[in-house]
């Protein structure tokens, strides 16, 4: 049991959470994706607030369990993981390190900010240029609006011919 005299500071806890991988994309952490919204002490209890990438994300329960297991392994036994749906998660919350890790893993990171044009506006304009995360070619084609998960689209590189996921701007 962690006492208030020996409890770790919040920066240490955030560093531990940097080691908790996203279950769908293990190359990035829950911190890289911006899923962890807040970490704070409430008396002797640690409260970690998470926001799923979308409200129906099936991995949210696993993420909460993984966070809890990682912190309990560090000796924190009084903790609670809360889900916060408002404001909704946005791809703007993905850290720069997270974007680099996504690309190194073979997933093209979001090409624009969530505050950019709406999906309807984009339909009337030139499609986004999505670079291949493998060969960096800008000659790519969208195969499907939905990839391995609803938050990704499936693309193919016209240069190296490799398929890849694109993390859609949300």
C-alpha atoms as a PDB file:
ATOM      1  CA  UNK A   1       0.000   0.000   0.000  1.00  0.00           C
ATOM      2  CA  UNK A   2       1.328   3.422  -0.968  1.00  0.00           C
ATOM      3  CA  UNK A   3       1.242   6.021   1.783  1.00  0.00           C
ATOM      4  CA  UNK A   4       1.001   9.756   1.098  1.00  0.00           C
ATOM      5  CA  UNK A   5       4.614  10.088   2.333  1.00  0.00           C
ATOM      6  CA  UNK A   6       6.019   7.599  -0.180  1.00  0.00           C
ATOM      7  CA  UNK A   7       3.606   8.053  -3.045  1.00  0.00           C
ATOM      8  CA  UNK A   8       5.208   8.830  -6.386  1.00  0.00           C
ATOM      9  CA  UNK A   9       4.771  12.251  -7.934  1.00  0.00           C
ATOM     10  CA  UNK A  10       2.556  12.694 -10.965  1.00  0.00           C
ATOM     11  CA  UNK A  11       5.481  13.044 -13.384  1.00  0.00           C
ATOM     12  CA  UNK A  12       6.745   9.612 -12.312  1.00  0.00           C
ATOM     13  CA  UNK A  13       3.283   8.124 -12.789  1.00  0.00           C
ATOM     14  CA  UNK A  14       3.011   9.675 -16.270  1.00  0.00           C
ATOM     15  CA  UNK A  15       6.410   8.181 -17.107  1.00  0.00           C
ATOM     16  CA  UNK A  16       5.130   4.745 -16.057  1.00  0.00           C
ATOM     17  CA  UNK A  17       2.052   5.250 -18.246  1.00  0.00           C
ATOM     18  CA  UNK A  18       4.376   5.961 -21.199  1.00  0.00           C
ATOM     19  CA  UNK A  19       5.224   2.237 -20.949  1.00  0.00           C
ATOM     20  CA  UNK A  20       1.593   1.074 -21.320  1.00  0.00           C
ATOM     21  CA  UNK A  21       1.082   0.170 -24.993  1.00  0.00           C
ATOM     22  CA  UNK A  22      -2.118   0.723 -26.909  1.00  0.00           C
ATOM     23  CA  UNK A  23      -3.607  -2.771 -27.395  1.00  0.00           C
ATOM     24  CA  UNK A  24      -4.413  -2.171 -31.086  1.00  0.00           C
ATOM     25  CA  UNK A  25      -1.150  -0.399 -31.986  1.00  0.00           C
ATOM     26  CA  UNK A  26       1.470  -1.604 -29.481  1.00  0.00           C
ATOM     27  CA  UNK A  27       4.159   0.635 -30.980  1.00  0.00           C
ATOM     28  CA  UNK A  28       2.557   3.639 -29.283  1.00  0.00           C
ATOM     29  CA  UNK A  29       1.654   4.161 -25.652  1.00  0.00           C
ATOM     30  CA  UNK A  30      -1.621   5.347 -24.201  1.00  0.00           C
ATOM     31  CA  UNK A  31       0.217   8.590 -23.435  1.00  0.00           C
ATOM     32  CA  UNK A  32       1.465   8.929 -27.042  1.00  0.00           C
ATOM     33  CA  UNK A  33      -2.113   8.670 -28.309  1.00  0.00           C
ATOM     34  CA  UNK A  34      -3.413  11.193 -25.792  1.00  0.00           C
ATOM     35  CA  UNK A  35      -5.851   8.667 -24.336  1.00  0.00           C
ATOM     36  CA  UNK A  36      -4.728   9.525 -20.779  1.00  0.00           C
ATOM     37  CA  UNK A  37      -6.471  12.824 -20.075  1.00  0.00           C
ATOM     38  CA  UNK A  38      -5.581  13.437 -16.465  1.00  0.00           C
ATOM     39  CA  UNK A  39      -3.604  11.927 -13.601  1.00  0.00           C
ATOM     40  CA  UNK A  40      -4.171  13.243 -10.091  1.00  0.00           C
ATOM     41  CA  UNK A  41      -4.276  12.293  -6.461  1.00  0.00           C
ATOM     42  CA  UNK A  42      -7.629  12.515  -4.702  1.00  0.00           C
ATOM     43  CA  UNK A  43      -6.628  12.050  -1.092  1.00  0.00           C
ATOM     44  CA  UNK A  44      -4.868   8.658  -0.972  1.00  0.00           C
ATOM     45  CA  UNK A  45      -6.434   7.456  -4.226  1.00  0.00           C
ATOM     46  CA  UNK A  46      -4.825   7.907  -7.630  1.00  0.00           C
ATOM     47  CA  UNK A  47      -7.339   8.820 -10.333  1.00  0.00           C
ATOM     48  CA  UNK A  48      -6.440   8.304 -13.995  1.00  0.00           C
ATOM     49  CA  UNK A  49      -8.915   9.726 -16.517  1.00  0.00           C
ATOM     50  CA  UNK A  50      -8.951   8.237 -20.018  1.00  0.00           C
ATOM     51  CA  UNK A  51     -10.833   9.176 -23.163  1.00  0.00           C
ATOM     52  CA  UNK A  52     -11.268   6.504 -25.833  1.00  0.00           C
ATOM     53  CA  UNK A  53     -10.407   7.360 -29.427  1.00  0.00           C
ATOM     54  CA  UNK A  54     -14.121   7.063 -30.110  1.00  0.00           C
ATOM     55  CA  UNK A  55     -16.987   6.342 -27.738  1.00  0.00           C
ATOM     56  CA  UNK A  56     -17.549   2.785 -28.981  1.00  0.00           C
ATOM     57  CA  UNK A  57     -13.893   1.763 -29.038  1.00  0.00           C
ATOM     58  CA  UNK A  58     -13.776  -1.915 -28.029  1.00  0.00           C
ATOM     59  CA  UNK A  59     -10.252  -1.541 -26.639  1.00  0.00           C
ATOM     60  CA  UNK A  60     -11.238   0.958 -23.924  1.00  0.00           C
ATOM     61  CA  UNK A  61     -11.849  -1.737 -21.290  1.00  0.00           C
ATOM     62  CA  UNK A  62      -8.519  -3.401 -22.075  1.00  0.00           C
ATOM     63  CA  UNK A  63      -6.744  -0.036 -21.875  1.00  0.00           C
ATOM     64  CA  UNK A  64      -8.249   0.630 -18.431  1.00  0.00           C
ATOM     65  CA  UNK A  65      -7.209  -2.845 -17.221  1.00  0.00           C
ATOM     66  CA  UNK A  66      -3.683  -2.443 -18.637  1.00  0.00           C
ATOM     67  CA  UNK A  67      -3.271   0.939 -16.927  1.00  0.00           C
ATOM     68  CA  UNK A  68      -4.515  -0.482 -13.656  1.00  0.00           C
ATOM     69  CA  UNK A  69      -2.219  -3.530 -13.898  1.00  0.00           C
ATOM     70  CA  UNK A  70       0.826  -1.384 -14.733  1.00  0.00           C
ATOM     71  CA  UNK A  71       0.248   0.924 -11.779  1.00  0.00           C
ATOM     72  CA  UNK A  72      -0.531  -1.904  -9.352  1.00  0.00           C
ATOM     73  CA  UNK A  73       2.745  -3.540 -10.424  1.00  0.00           C
ATOM     74  CA  UNK A  74       4.441  -0.319  -9.222  1.00  0.00           C
ATOM     75  CA  UNK A  75       2.852  -0.682  -5.798  1.00  0.00           C
ATOM     76  CA  UNK A  76      -0.152   1.604  -6.259  1.00  0.00           C
ATOM     77  CA  UNK A  77      -3.134  -0.196  -4.804  1.00  0.00           C
ATOM     78  CA  UNK A  78      -5.566   2.676  -4.288  1.00  0.00           C
ATOM     79  CA  UNK A  79      -6.429   3.756  -7.778  1.00  0.00           C
ATOM     80  CA  UNK A  80      -9.357   4.341 -10.065  1.00  0.00           C
ATOM     81  CA  UNK A  81      -9.500   4.629 -13.850  1.00  0.00           C
ATOM     82  CA  UNK A  82     -12.314   6.897 -15.055  1.00  0.00           C
ATOM     83  CA  UNK A  83     -13.667   7.212 -18.593  1.00  0.00           C
ATOM     84  CA  UNK A  84     -14.317  10.725 -19.824  1.00  0.00           C
ATOM     85  CA  UNK A  85     -16.196  11.124 -23.082  1.00  0.00           C
ATOM     86  CA  UNK A  86     -16.389  14.913 -23.084  1.00  0.00           C
ATOM     87  CA  UNK A  87     -14.711  16.610 -24.734  1.00  0.00           C
ATOM     88  CA  UNK A  88     -14.287  13.807 -27.247  1.00  0.00           C
ATOM     89  CA  UNK A  89     -10.823  12.573 -28.160  1.00  0.00           C
ATOM     90  CA  UNK A  90      -9.214  14.122 -31.223  1.00  0.00           C
ATOM     91  CA  UNK A  91      -6.184  13.149 -33.283  1.00  0.00           C
ATOM     92  CA  UNK A  92      -4.725  16.520 -32.273  1.00  0.00           C
ATOM     93  CA  UNK A  93      -3.988  14.844 -28.912  1.00  0.00           C
ATOM     94  CA  UNK A  94      -1.493  12.432 -30.496  1.00  0.00           C
ATOM     95  CA  UNK A  95       1.967  13.589 -29.440  1.00  0.00           C
ATOM     96  CA  UNK A  96       4.720  14.301 -31.963  1.00  0.00           C
ATOM     97  CA  UNK A  97       6.556  11.243 -30.612  1.00  0.00           C
ATOM     98  CA  UNK A  98       3.365   9.233 -31.112  1.00  0.00           C
ATOM     99  CA  UNK A  99       3.093  10.398 -34.738  1.00  0.00           C
ATOM    100  CA  UNK A 100       6.686   9.340 -35.403  1.00  0.00           C
ATOM    101  CA  UNK A 101       6.079   5.963 -33.745  1.00  0.00           C
ATOM    102  CA  UNK A 102       2.919   5.386 -35.811  1.00  0.00           C
ATOM    103  CA  UNK A 103       4.820   6.081 -39.010  1.00  0.00           C
ATOM    104  CA  UNK A 104       7.742   3.849 -37.988  1.00  0.00           C
ATOM    105  CA  UNK A 105       5.192   1.094 -37.281  1.00  0.00           C
ATOM    106  CA  UNK A 106       3.762   1.455 -40.792  1.00  0.00           C
ATOM    107  CA  UNK A 107       0.675   3.567 -40.069  1.00  0.00           C
ATOM    108  CA  UNK A 108       0.447   6.992 -41.692  1.00  0.00           C
ATOM    109  CA  UNK A 109      -0.355   9.566 -38.991  1.00  0.00           C
ATOM    110  CA  UNK A 110      -3.174  12.103 -39.461  1.00  0.00           C
ATOM    111  CA  UNK A 111      -2.349  14.473 -42.313  1.00  0.00           C
ATOM    112  CA  UNK A 112      -4.140  17.507 -40.897  1.00  0.00           C
ATOM    113  CA  UNK A 113      -5.519  18.812 -37.651  1.00  0.00           C
ATOM    114  CA  UNK A 114      -8.977  17.933 -36.401  1.00  0.00           C
ATOM    115  CA  UNK A 115      -9.890  21.618 -36.592  1.00  0.00           C
ATOM    116  CA  UNK A 116      -9.386  21.557 -40.374  1.00  0.00           C
ATOM    117  CA  UNK A 117     -12.034  21.147 -43.075  1.00  0.00           C
ATOM    118  CA  UNK A 118     -14.957  18.836 -42.379  1.00  0.00           C
ATOM    119  CA  UNK A 119     -15.368  15.514 -44.171  1.00  0.00           C
ATOM    120  CA  UNK A 120     -18.011  17.161 -46.380  1.00  0.00           C
ATOM    121  CA  UNK A 121     -15.689  20.044 -47.256  1.00  0.00           C
ATOM    122  CA  UNK A 122     -12.966  17.561 -48.182  1.00  0.00           C
ATOM    123  CA  UNK A 123     -15.353  15.715 -50.515  1.00  0.00           C
ATOM    124  CA  UNK A 124     -15.638  18.858 -52.626  1.00  0.00           C
ATOM    125  CA  UNK A 125     -11.882  19.496 -52.762  1.00  0.00           C
ATOM    126  CA  UNK A 126      -8.765  17.658 -53.804  1.00  0.00           C
ATOM    127  CA  UNK A 127      -8.241  14.569 -51.630  1.00  0.00           C
ATOM    128  CA  UNK A 128      -5.589  14.642 -48.925  1.00  0.00           C
ATOM    129  CA  UNK A 129      -2.082  13.636 -49.893  1.00  0.00           C
ATOM    130  CA  UNK A 130      -1.191  10.705 -47.652  1.00  0.00           C
ATOM    131  CA  UNK A 131       2.488   9.734 -47.755  1.00  0.00           C
ATOM    132  CA  UNK A 132       3.489   6.099 -47.598  1.00  0.00           C
ATOM    133  CA  UNK A 133       4.974   5.414 -44.151  1.00  0.00           C
ATOM    134  CA  UNK A 134       7.439   2.942 -45.699  1.00  0.00           C
ATOM    135  CA  UNK A 135       8.931   4.639 -48.776  1.00  0.00           C
ATOM    136  CA  UNK A 136       7.589   8.202 -48.174  1.00  0.00           C
ATOM    137  CA  UNK A 137       6.053   8.393 -51.674  1.00  0.00           C
ATOM    138  CA  UNK A 138       3.104  10.753 -52.015  1.00  0.00           C
ATOM    139  CA  UNK A 139       1.721   8.586 -54.804  1.00  0.00           C
ATOM    140  CA  UNK A 140      -0.879   6.645 -52.809  1.00  0.00           C
ATOM    141  CA  UNK A 141      -4.461   5.506 -53.327  1.00  0.00           C
ATOM    142  CA  UNK A 142      -7.241   5.005 -50.821  1.00  0.00           C
ATOM    143  CA  UNK A 143      -8.518   1.427 -50.996  1.00  0.00           C
ATOM    144  CA  UNK A 144     -11.200   1.727 -48.327  1.00  0.00           C
ATOM    145  CA  UNK A 145     -12.496   4.427 -45.998  1.00  0.00           C
ATOM    146  CA  UNK A 146     -12.185   1.867 -43.198  1.00  0.00           C
ATOM    147  CA  UNK A 147      -9.021  -0.024 -42.309  1.00  0.00           C
ATOM    148  CA  UNK A 148      -8.165  -2.437 -39.529  1.00  0.00           C
ATOM    149  CA  UNK A 149     -10.193  -0.296 -37.088  1.00  0.00           C
ATOM    150  CA  UNK A 150     -12.890   2.361 -37.705  1.00  0.00           C
ATOM    151  CA  UNK A 151     -10.414   5.158 -36.890  1.00  0.00           C
ATOM    152  CA  UNK A 152      -8.165   4.122 -39.793  1.00  0.00           C
ATOM    153  CA  UNK A 153      -8.532   4.047 -43.588  1.00  0.00           C
ATOM    154  CA  UNK A 154      -6.788   1.538 -45.851  1.00  0.00           C
ATOM    155  CA  UNK A 155      -4.341   2.906 -48.449  1.00  0.00           C
ATOM    156  CA  UNK A 156      -1.909   1.438 -50.974  1.00  0.00           C
ATOM    157  CA  UNK A 157       1.345   2.982 -52.095  1.00  0.00           C
ATOM    158  CA  UNK A 158       1.472   3.264 -55.890  1.00  0.00           C
ATOM    159  CA  UNK A 159       5.288   3.297 -55.773  1.00  0.00           C
ATOM    160  CA  UNK A 160       6.239   0.388 -53.485  1.00  0.00           C
ATOM    161  CA  UNK A 161       2.789  -1.278 -53.808  1.00  0.00           C
ATOM    162  CA  UNK A 162       2.552  -1.901 -50.051  1.00  0.00           C
ATOM    163  CA  UNK A 163      -0.810  -1.503 -48.307  1.00  0.00           C
ATOM    164  CA  UNK A 164      -0.925   0.579 -45.142  1.00  0.00           C
ATOM    165  CA  UNK A 165      -3.355   2.080 -42.647  1.00  0.00           C
ATOM    166  CA  UNK A 166      -3.893   5.812 -42.373  1.00  0.00           C
ATOM    167  CA  UNK A 167      -4.965   7.131 -38.953  1.00  0.00           C
ATOM    168  CA  UNK A 168      -7.886   9.352 -39.938  1.00  0.00           C
ATOM    169  CA  UNK A 169      -8.197  12.857 -38.609  1.00  0.00           C
ATOM    170  CA  UNK A 170     -10.923  12.871 -35.970  1.00  0.00           C
END
